[in-house]
Amino acid sequence: MEPARLLLADMVPATSAIHGQPCLVTARVGDRARRHVPDFLLVMRSGVVRVVNVKPADRLADPVIADAPAWPGDLVRQHGWEYEIWSGADRVVLENVRFLAAYPRPEVVPEATEVELVMSAQDLTVLPGRPLYDPVLSKREATSATKCWRAANGSVCVASK
C-alpha cells in the first residue's frame, strides 16, 4: 500500500518533497515508552508538512492496531503539522495514476495534440467512460493525460486540438 500512497503524492503538483520513513518518533504515552516510524513526510508547496501512516482499513478495525498510528498523530498535530492515516483509494483511480506515472514528460507532447481529452481529476476517466489505463490509449494520449492531471489538480481539464 505504501507505493500507492507514494505514487499519489508524487502526482499532486502541490507536493514539493516526499521523505520515506523520515524519522523515529519516541514518546511516553501514559505509562508506556512508545516508538514509531511514520511511512512518509510530505512537504507541500504551501509550506504545510503532512506526516502519513499507511494502514489497511481492515486492520484499523482492530483496536490494538488502530492505537499504534493514533498516538503519533497527537504529537504531530502539537507541532502544527498535518497527520494522515491512509487506507487506500479507489482501484480505478490507482490504476489510472499508475498508468499516468509511466508518462511523466509532458514536454514531449505539443500543446496542440491530435486527441481531445476531457478528464476529471476526481475519477480519472477519459470520455466516453474508458479508464486511462485502457491499452487503446496511445503514448501521446497518455502523456497528454499526465499533463492534464498535473495541471488540473482536482478540477476538469481539457486538452484539445
N, C-alpha and C. Protein backbone atom coordinates (compact mmCIF):
# COMPACT_ATOMS: atom_id res chain seq x y z
N MET A 1 0.81 -1.20 0.00
CA MET A 1 0.00 0.00 0.00
C MET A 1 0.86 1.27 0.00
N GLU A 2 2.03 1.19 0.60
CA GLU A 2 2.89 2.38 0.65
C GLU A 2 3.25 2.89 -0.75
N PRO A 3 3.58 1.99 -1.70
CA PRO A 3 3.89 2.50 -3.04
C PRO A 3 2.72 3.25 -3.68
N ALA A 4 1.51 2.82 -3.42
CA ALA A 4 0.34 3.51 -3.98
C ALA A 4 0.22 4.91 -3.41
N ARG A 5 0.41 5.07 -2.10
CA ARG A 5 0.31 6.40 -1.50
C ARG A 5 1.45 7.29 -1.99
N LEU A 6 2.62 6.71 -2.15
CA LEU A 6 3.76 7.46 -2.68
C LEU A 6 3.48 7.96 -4.09
N LEU A 7 2.94 7.10 -4.91
CA LEU A 7 2.62 7.47 -6.28
C LEU A 7 1.59 8.60 -6.33
N LEU A 8 0.57 8.51 -5.48
CA LEU A 8 -0.44 9.58 -5.44
C LEU A 8 0.17 10.90 -4.99
N ALA A 9 1.02 10.85 -3.99
CA ALA A 9 1.67 12.08 -3.51
C ALA A 9 2.54 12.69 -4.61
N ASP A 10 3.22 11.84 -5.35
CA ASP A 10 4.11 12.32 -6.42
C ASP A 10 3.33 12.96 -7.56
N MET A 11 2.10 12.52 -7.79
CA MET A 11 1.32 13.05 -8.91
C MET A 11 0.62 14.37 -8.58
N VAL A 12 0.59 14.76 -7.33
CA VAL A 12 -0.08 16.01 -6.94
C VAL A 12 0.92 17.15 -7.04
N PRO A 13 0.66 18.13 -7.89
CA PRO A 13 1.61 19.23 -8.07
C PRO A 13 1.88 20.03 -6.79
N ALA A 14 0.96 19.99 -5.83
CA ALA A 14 1.14 20.74 -4.58
C ALA A 14 2.22 20.12 -3.69
N THR A 15 2.64 18.89 -3.99
CA THR A 15 3.68 18.23 -3.19
C THR A 15 5.05 18.67 -3.70
N SER A 16 5.86 19.23 -2.79
CA SER A 16 7.20 19.66 -3.22
C SER A 16 8.29 18.70 -2.78
N ALA A 17 8.06 17.92 -1.72
CA ALA A 17 9.08 16.97 -1.26
C ALA A 17 8.39 15.79 -0.57
N ILE A 18 8.99 14.62 -0.76
CA ILE A 18 8.49 13.40 -0.15
C ILE A 18 9.67 12.71 0.53
N HIS A 19 9.49 12.38 1.81
CA HIS A 19 10.54 11.68 2.54
C HIS A 19 9.96 10.38 3.08
N GLY A 20 10.55 9.26 2.71
CA GLY A 20 10.10 7.96 3.17
C GLY A 20 10.72 7.62 4.51
N GLN A 21 9.92 7.09 5.43
CA GLN A 21 10.34 6.73 6.77
C GLN A 21 11.32 7.78 7.32
N PRO A 22 10.81 9.01 7.51
CA PRO A 22 11.68 10.15 7.77
C PRO A 22 12.35 10.20 9.14
N CYS A 23 11.78 9.53 10.15
CA CYS A 23 12.35 9.66 11.48
C CYS A 23 11.79 8.58 12.40
N LEU A 24 12.40 8.47 13.54
CA LEU A 24 11.89 7.61 14.60
C LEU A 24 11.27 8.54 15.63
N VAL A 25 9.99 8.34 15.92
CA VAL A 25 9.28 9.14 16.91
C VAL A 25 9.25 8.33 18.20
N THR A 26 9.72 8.93 19.27
CA THR A 26 9.65 8.27 20.58
C THR A 26 8.91 9.18 21.54
N ALA A 27 8.12 8.59 22.40
CA ALA A 27 7.37 9.38 23.38
C ALA A 27 6.91 8.48 24.51
N ARG A 28 6.60 9.08 25.62
CA ARG A 28 5.97 8.36 26.72
C ARG A 28 4.48 8.65 26.61
N VAL A 29 3.71 7.60 26.40
CA VAL A 29 2.26 7.72 26.27
C VAL A 29 1.66 6.95 27.44
N GLY A 30 1.07 7.70 28.36
CA GLY A 30 0.60 7.07 29.59
C GLY A 30 1.80 6.56 30.35
N ASP A 31 1.81 5.28 30.66
CA ASP A 31 2.94 4.70 31.38
C ASP A 31 3.87 3.89 30.48
N ARG A 32 3.68 4.03 29.15
CA ARG A 32 4.46 3.25 28.20
C ARG A 32 5.42 4.12 27.38
N ALA A 33 6.60 3.60 27.14
CA ALA A 33 7.53 4.23 26.19
C ALA A 33 7.14 3.71 24.81
N ARG A 34 6.87 4.62 23.90
CA ARG A 34 6.40 4.23 22.56
C ARG A 34 7.43 4.65 21.53
N ARG A 35 7.47 3.90 20.43
CA ARG A 35 8.35 4.19 19.28
C ARG A 35 7.54 3.98 18.01
N HIS A 36 7.81 4.83 17.03
CA HIS A 36 7.08 4.71 15.77
C HIS A 36 7.88 5.37 14.64
N VAL A 37 7.87 4.73 13.48
CA VAL A 37 8.48 5.31 12.28
C VAL A 37 7.35 5.56 11.29
N PRO A 38 7.03 6.84 11.00
CA PRO A 38 5.98 7.13 10.02
C PRO A 38 6.39 6.65 8.63
N ASP A 39 5.40 6.39 7.79
CA ASP A 39 5.69 5.94 6.43
C ASP A 39 6.23 7.05 5.55
N PHE A 40 5.60 8.25 5.63
CA PHE A 40 6.02 9.36 4.76
C PHE A 40 5.91 10.69 5.49
N LEU A 41 6.73 11.62 5.07
CA LEU A 41 6.60 13.01 5.44
C LEU A 41 6.50 13.77 4.12
N LEU A 42 5.39 14.46 3.91
CA LEU A 42 5.17 15.22 2.69
C LEU A 42 5.30 16.70 3.00
N VAL A 43 6.04 17.40 2.18
CA VAL A 43 6.14 18.85 2.30
C VAL A 43 5.41 19.44 1.10
N MET A 44 4.42 20.27 1.38
CA MET A 44 3.62 20.86 0.32
C MET A 44 4.23 22.20 -0.09
N ARG A 45 3.96 22.62 -1.31
CA ARG A 45 4.47 23.90 -1.80
C ARG A 45 4.02 25.07 -0.93
N SER A 46 2.89 24.91 -0.27
CA SER A 46 2.35 25.96 0.61
C SER A 46 3.13 26.05 1.92
N GLY A 47 4.01 25.09 2.18
CA GLY A 47 4.76 25.07 3.43
C GLY A 47 4.17 24.10 4.45
N VAL A 48 3.00 23.59 4.19
CA VAL A 48 2.36 22.63 5.09
C VAL A 48 3.18 21.33 5.09
N VAL A 49 3.34 20.76 6.28
CA VAL A 49 4.03 19.48 6.42
C VAL A 49 2.98 18.46 6.85
N ARG A 50 2.97 17.31 6.19
CA ARG A 50 2.00 16.25 6.48
C ARG A 50 2.74 14.94 6.74
N VAL A 51 2.47 14.35 7.88
CA VAL A 51 3.02 13.03 8.22
C VAL A 51 1.95 12.01 7.86
N VAL A 52 2.36 10.96 7.13
CA VAL A 52 1.41 9.96 6.64
C VAL A 52 1.80 8.58 7.17
N ASN A 53 0.81 7.89 7.71
CA ASN A 53 0.95 6.48 8.06
C ASN A 53 -0.03 5.70 7.21
N VAL A 54 0.43 4.60 6.65
CA VAL A 54 -0.39 3.76 5.78
C VAL A 54 -0.78 2.51 6.55
N LYS A 55 -2.07 2.28 6.65
CA LYS A 55 -2.60 1.08 7.30
C LYS A 55 -3.82 0.59 6.53
N PRO A 56 -3.90 -0.70 6.25
CA PRO A 56 -5.10 -1.22 5.59
C PRO A 56 -6.34 -1.01 6.46
N ALA A 57 -7.45 -0.66 5.84
CA ALA A 57 -8.69 -0.37 6.58
C ALA A 57 -9.13 -1.54 7.44
N ASP A 58 -9.00 -2.76 6.95
CA ASP A 58 -9.45 -3.91 7.73
C ASP A 58 -8.62 -4.10 9.00
N ARG A 59 -7.37 -3.69 8.97
CA ARG A 59 -6.53 -3.80 10.18
C ARG A 59 -6.86 -2.71 11.19
N LEU A 60 -7.35 -1.56 10.73
CA LEU A 60 -7.71 -0.48 11.64
C LEU A 60 -8.95 -0.81 12.46
N ALA A 61 -9.69 -1.84 12.06
CA ALA A 61 -10.85 -2.27 12.83
C ALA A 61 -10.43 -2.90 14.16
N ASP A 62 -9.21 -3.40 14.23
CA ASP A 62 -8.67 -3.98 15.47
C ASP A 62 -8.19 -2.83 16.36
N PRO A 63 -8.76 -2.68 17.59
CA PRO A 63 -8.39 -1.56 18.46
C PRO A 63 -6.89 -1.49 18.79
N VAL A 64 -6.24 -2.63 18.90
CA VAL A 64 -4.80 -2.63 19.19
C VAL A 64 -4.02 -2.05 18.01
N ILE A 65 -4.37 -2.45 16.81
CA ILE A 65 -3.72 -1.94 15.60
C ILE A 65 -4.05 -0.46 15.41
N ALA A 66 -5.30 -0.08 15.64
CA ALA A 66 -5.74 1.32 15.46
C ALA A 66 -5.01 2.26 16.41
N ASP A 67 -4.64 1.78 17.59
CA ASP A 67 -3.95 2.61 18.57
C ASP A 67 -2.53 2.95 18.12
N ALA A 68 -1.89 2.03 17.40
CA ALA A 68 -0.49 2.23 17.00
C ALA A 68 -0.27 3.50 16.18
N PRO A 69 -1.06 3.78 15.13
CA PRO A 69 -0.82 5.02 14.39
C PRO A 69 -1.54 6.24 14.98
N ALA A 70 -2.37 6.04 16.02
CA ALA A 70 -3.14 7.15 16.57
C ALA A 70 -2.29 8.09 17.43
N TRP A 71 -1.47 7.55 18.32
CA TRP A 71 -0.73 8.42 19.24
C TRP A 71 0.29 9.31 18.53
N PRO A 72 0.96 8.87 17.45
CA PRO A 72 1.86 9.81 16.77
C PRO A 72 1.12 11.02 16.20
N GLY A 73 -0.15 10.83 15.82
CA GLY A 73 -0.94 11.94 15.30
C GLY A 73 -1.07 13.07 16.29
N ASP A 74 -1.25 12.72 17.57
CA ASP A 74 -1.34 13.77 18.60
C ASP A 74 -0.05 14.57 18.66
N LEU A 75 1.09 13.90 18.63
CA LEU A 75 2.37 14.61 18.67
C LEU A 75 2.58 15.48 17.43
N VAL A 76 2.26 14.93 16.28
CA VAL A 76 2.45 15.66 15.02
C VAL A 76 1.61 16.93 15.00
N ARG A 77 0.34 16.81 15.39
CA ARG A 77 -0.55 17.97 15.41
C ARG A 77 -0.09 19.02 16.43
N GLN A 78 0.50 18.59 17.54
CA GLN A 78 1.03 19.55 18.53
C GLN A 78 2.14 20.41 17.94
N HIS A 79 2.80 19.90 16.91
CA HIS A 79 3.87 20.66 16.24
C HIS A 79 3.34 21.50 15.08
N GLY A 80 2.02 21.50 14.89
CA GLY A 80 1.42 22.30 13.83
C GLY A 80 1.44 21.64 12.46
N TRP A 81 1.73 20.37 12.41
CA TRP A 81 1.75 19.64 11.16
C TRP A 81 0.44 18.90 10.98
N GLU A 82 0.18 18.47 9.76
CA GLU A 82 -0.99 17.65 9.48
C GLU A 82 -0.63 16.18 9.67
N TYR A 83 -1.65 15.38 9.96
CA TYR A 83 -1.44 13.95 10.15
C TYR A 83 -2.50 13.19 9.36
N GLU A 84 -2.07 12.16 8.67
CA GLU A 84 -2.98 11.38 7.83
C GLU A 84 -2.73 9.89 8.04
N ILE A 85 -3.82 9.16 8.26
CA ILE A 85 -3.75 7.70 8.22
C ILE A 85 -4.44 7.31 6.93
N TRP A 86 -3.66 6.78 5.99
CA TRP A 86 -4.17 6.47 4.65
C TRP A 86 -4.45 4.98 4.55
N SER A 87 -5.66 4.66 4.08
CA SER A 87 -6.08 3.25 3.99
C SER A 87 -6.44 2.83 2.59
N GLY A 88 -5.97 3.55 1.61
CA GLY A 88 -6.22 3.15 0.23
C GLY A 88 -7.09 4.14 -0.51
N ALA A 89 -7.24 3.88 -1.80
CA ALA A 89 -8.05 4.72 -2.68
C ALA A 89 -8.79 3.81 -3.65
N ASP A 90 -9.67 4.40 -4.39
CA ASP A 90 -10.43 3.65 -5.39
C ASP A 90 -9.48 2.93 -6.35
N ARG A 91 -9.79 1.68 -6.65
CA ARG A 91 -8.94 0.84 -7.51
C ARG A 91 -8.70 1.47 -8.88
N VAL A 92 -9.76 2.02 -9.48
CA VAL A 92 -9.61 2.61 -10.82
C VAL A 92 -8.71 3.84 -10.77
N VAL A 93 -8.87 4.66 -9.74
CA VAL A 93 -8.00 5.83 -9.60
C VAL A 93 -6.55 5.38 -9.49
N LEU A 94 -6.28 4.40 -8.66
CA LEU A 94 -4.90 3.92 -8.50
C LEU A 94 -4.34 3.35 -9.80
N GLU A 95 -5.14 2.57 -10.53
CA GLU A 95 -4.66 2.02 -11.80
C GLU A 95 -4.39 3.13 -12.80
N ASN A 96 -5.25 4.14 -12.82
CA ASN A 96 -5.03 5.26 -13.74
C ASN A 96 -3.77 6.04 -13.38
N VAL A 97 -3.55 6.29 -12.10
CA VAL A 97 -2.36 7.02 -11.68
C VAL A 97 -1.11 6.20 -11.97
N ARG A 98 -1.16 4.91 -11.76
CA ARG A 98 -0.01 4.05 -12.12
C ARG A 98 0.29 4.16 -13.62
N PHE A 99 -0.76 4.14 -14.41
CA PHE A 99 -0.59 4.26 -15.86
C PHE A 99 0.02 5.62 -16.22
N LEU A 100 -0.53 6.69 -15.65
CA LEU A 100 -0.03 8.04 -15.95
C LEU A 100 1.42 8.22 -15.51
N ALA A 101 1.82 7.56 -14.44
CA ALA A 101 3.19 7.70 -13.94
C ALA A 101 4.23 7.23 -14.95
N ALA A 102 3.83 6.41 -15.89
CA ALA A 102 4.77 5.93 -16.91
C ALA A 102 5.08 7.00 -17.95
N TYR A 103 4.33 8.10 -17.95
CA TYR A 103 4.49 9.15 -18.96
C TYR A 103 4.68 10.50 -18.29
N PRO A 104 5.80 10.67 -17.58
CA PRO A 104 5.98 11.88 -16.78
C PRO A 104 6.52 13.09 -17.53
N ARG A 105 6.73 12.99 -18.83
CA ARG A 105 7.39 14.07 -19.56
C ARG A 105 6.42 14.81 -20.47
N PRO A 106 5.62 15.73 -19.93
CA PRO A 106 4.65 16.44 -20.75
C PRO A 106 5.28 17.32 -21.83
N GLU A 107 6.55 17.65 -21.69
CA GLU A 107 7.21 18.50 -22.68
C GLU A 107 7.34 17.82 -24.04
N VAL A 108 7.19 16.49 -24.10
CA VAL A 108 7.30 15.81 -25.38
C VAL A 108 5.99 15.85 -26.17
N VAL A 109 4.93 16.34 -25.56
CA VAL A 109 3.65 16.45 -26.25
C VAL A 109 3.41 17.92 -26.58
N PRO A 110 3.23 18.25 -27.86
CA PRO A 110 2.97 19.64 -28.21
C PRO A 110 1.64 20.11 -27.63
N GLU A 111 1.52 21.42 -27.45
CA GLU A 111 0.29 21.98 -26.89
C GLU A 111 -0.92 21.58 -27.73
N ALA A 112 -0.80 21.63 -29.04
CA ALA A 112 -1.91 21.23 -29.92
C ALA A 112 -1.74 19.76 -30.23
N THR A 113 -2.57 18.93 -29.65
CA THR A 113 -2.46 17.49 -29.86
C THR A 113 -3.59 17.00 -30.73
N GLU A 114 -3.45 15.78 -31.20
CA GLU A 114 -4.46 15.16 -32.04
C GLU A 114 -5.65 14.66 -31.25
N VAL A 115 -5.48 14.57 -29.96
CA VAL A 115 -6.51 13.93 -29.14
C VAL A 115 -7.26 14.99 -28.34
N GLU A 116 -8.53 14.74 -28.12
CA GLU A 116 -9.28 15.61 -27.22
C GLU A 116 -9.53 14.83 -25.95
N LEU A 117 -9.02 15.34 -24.87
CA LEU A 117 -9.18 14.70 -23.58
C LEU A 117 -10.05 15.58 -22.70
N VAL A 118 -11.03 14.99 -22.14
CA VAL A 118 -11.77 15.68 -21.09
C VAL A 118 -11.66 14.77 -19.89
N MET A 119 -10.92 15.24 -18.92
CA MET A 119 -10.59 14.37 -17.81
C MET A 119 -10.99 15.01 -16.50
N SER A 120 -11.65 14.28 -15.68
CA SER A 120 -11.95 14.73 -14.34
C SER A 120 -10.86 14.18 -13.44
N ALA A 121 -10.19 15.04 -12.73
CA ALA A 121 -9.13 14.58 -11.84
C ALA A 121 -9.70 13.76 -10.69
N GLN A 122 -11.00 13.87 -10.48
CA GLN A 122 -11.63 13.08 -9.42
C GLN A 122 -11.73 11.62 -9.81
N ASP A 123 -12.24 11.32 -11.00
CA ASP A 123 -12.43 9.91 -11.36
C ASP A 123 -11.43 9.44 -12.41
N LEU A 124 -10.64 10.35 -12.96
CA LEU A 124 -9.58 10.00 -13.89
C LEU A 124 -10.04 9.10 -15.03
N THR A 125 -11.10 9.48 -15.68
CA THR A 125 -11.54 8.71 -16.84
C THR A 125 -11.48 9.59 -18.06
N VAL A 126 -11.24 8.99 -19.19
CA VAL A 126 -11.26 9.69 -20.47
C VAL A 126 -12.62 9.40 -21.08
N LEU A 127 -13.34 10.44 -21.44
CA LEU A 127 -14.66 10.23 -22.01
C LEU A 127 -14.53 9.53 -23.36
N PRO A 128 -15.40 8.64 -23.73
CA PRO A 128 -16.65 8.31 -23.07
C PRO A 128 -16.51 7.16 -22.08
N GLY A 129 -16.00 7.41 -20.92
CA GLY A 129 -16.01 6.46 -19.82
C GLY A 129 -14.96 5.38 -19.84
N ARG A 130 -13.96 5.47 -20.69
CA ARG A 130 -12.96 4.40 -20.65
C ARG A 130 -11.85 4.80 -19.69
N PRO A 131 -11.37 3.86 -18.90
CA PRO A 131 -10.29 4.16 -17.97
C PRO A 131 -9.03 4.58 -18.72
N LEU A 132 -8.21 5.39 -18.09
CA LEU A 132 -6.97 5.83 -18.73
C LEU A 132 -6.02 4.68 -19.02
N TYR A 133 -6.08 3.62 -18.22
CA TYR A 133 -5.15 2.51 -18.44
C TYR A 133 -5.60 1.61 -19.57
N ASP A 134 -6.63 2.00 -20.28
CA ASP A 134 -7.10 1.25 -21.45
C ASP A 134 -5.94 1.14 -22.45
N PRO A 135 -5.59 -0.05 -22.90
CA PRO A 135 -4.45 -0.21 -23.81
C PRO A 135 -4.65 0.49 -25.15
N VAL A 136 -5.88 0.92 -25.46
CA VAL A 136 -6.13 1.62 -26.71
C VAL A 136 -5.50 3.02 -26.69
N LEU A 137 -5.31 3.57 -25.49
CA LEU A 137 -4.74 4.90 -25.35
C LEU A 137 -3.29 4.90 -25.84
N SER A 138 -2.95 5.84 -26.68
CA SER A 138 -1.58 5.90 -27.21
C SER A 138 -0.65 6.57 -26.21
N LYS A 139 0.66 6.47 -26.49
CA LYS A 139 1.64 7.14 -25.64
C LYS A 139 1.40 8.64 -25.62
N ARG A 140 1.07 9.20 -26.78
CA ARG A 140 0.81 10.64 -26.87
C ARG A 140 -0.38 11.03 -26.01
N GLU A 141 -1.45 10.21 -26.09
CA GLU A 141 -2.63 10.49 -25.27
C GLU A 141 -2.30 10.36 -23.79
N ALA A 142 -1.53 9.33 -23.45
CA ALA A 142 -1.18 9.11 -22.04
C ALA A 142 -0.33 10.25 -21.50
N THR A 143 0.64 10.70 -22.29
CA THR A 143 1.48 11.81 -21.85
C THR A 143 0.66 13.07 -21.72
N SER A 144 -0.26 13.27 -22.64
CA SER A 144 -1.15 14.42 -22.57
C SER A 144 -2.07 14.32 -21.35
N ALA A 145 -2.53 13.11 -21.04
CA ALA A 145 -3.38 12.91 -19.87
C ALA A 145 -2.60 13.21 -18.59
N THR A 146 -1.32 12.82 -18.55
CA THR A 146 -0.49 13.13 -17.40
C THR A 146 -0.36 14.63 -17.24
N LYS A 147 -0.14 15.31 -18.33
CA LYS A 147 -0.04 16.77 -18.32
C LYS A 147 -1.32 17.37 -17.78
N CYS A 148 -2.45 16.85 -18.24
CA CYS A 148 -3.75 17.31 -17.78
C CYS A 148 -3.92 17.09 -16.28
N TRP A 149 -3.58 15.89 -15.83
CA TRP A 149 -3.74 15.55 -14.41
C TRP A 149 -2.95 16.52 -13.55
N ARG A 150 -1.70 16.76 -13.91
CA ARG A 150 -0.86 17.65 -13.10
C ARG A 150 -1.37 19.09 -13.15
N ALA A 151 -1.89 19.51 -14.29
CA ALA A 151 -2.40 20.88 -14.40
C ALA A 151 -3.72 21.05 -13.67
N ALA A 152 -4.56 20.02 -13.72
CA ALA A 152 -5.90 20.13 -13.16
C ALA A 152 -5.90 20.14 -11.64
N ASN A 153 -5.14 19.22 -11.05
CA ASN A 153 -5.07 19.10 -9.60
C ASN A 153 -6.44 19.20 -8.95
N GLY A 154 -7.37 18.40 -9.43
CA GLY A 154 -8.66 18.32 -8.79
C GLY A 154 -9.79 18.97 -9.56
N SER A 155 -9.53 19.54 -10.72
CA SER A 155 -10.61 20.15 -11.48
C SER A 155 -10.69 19.48 -12.85
N VAL A 156 -11.58 19.95 -13.68
CA VAL A 156 -11.73 19.37 -15.01
C VAL A 156 -10.67 19.95 -15.94
N CYS A 157 -10.09 19.11 -16.73
CA CYS A 157 -9.02 19.52 -17.63
C CYS A 157 -9.42 19.16 -19.06
N VAL A 158 -9.18 20.07 -19.97
CA VAL A 158 -9.46 19.82 -21.38
C VAL A 158 -8.20 20.09 -22.18
N ALA A 159 -7.77 19.10 -22.93
CA ALA A 159 -6.65 19.29 -23.85
C ALA A 159 -7.20 18.91 -25.22
N SER A 160 -7.17 19.84 -26.15
CA SER A 160 -7.76 19.53 -27.45
C SER A 160 -6.90 20.07 -28.56
N LYS A 161 -7.25 19.62 -29.77
CA LYS A 161 -6.54 20.00 -30.99
C LYS A 161 -6.71 21.48 -31.28
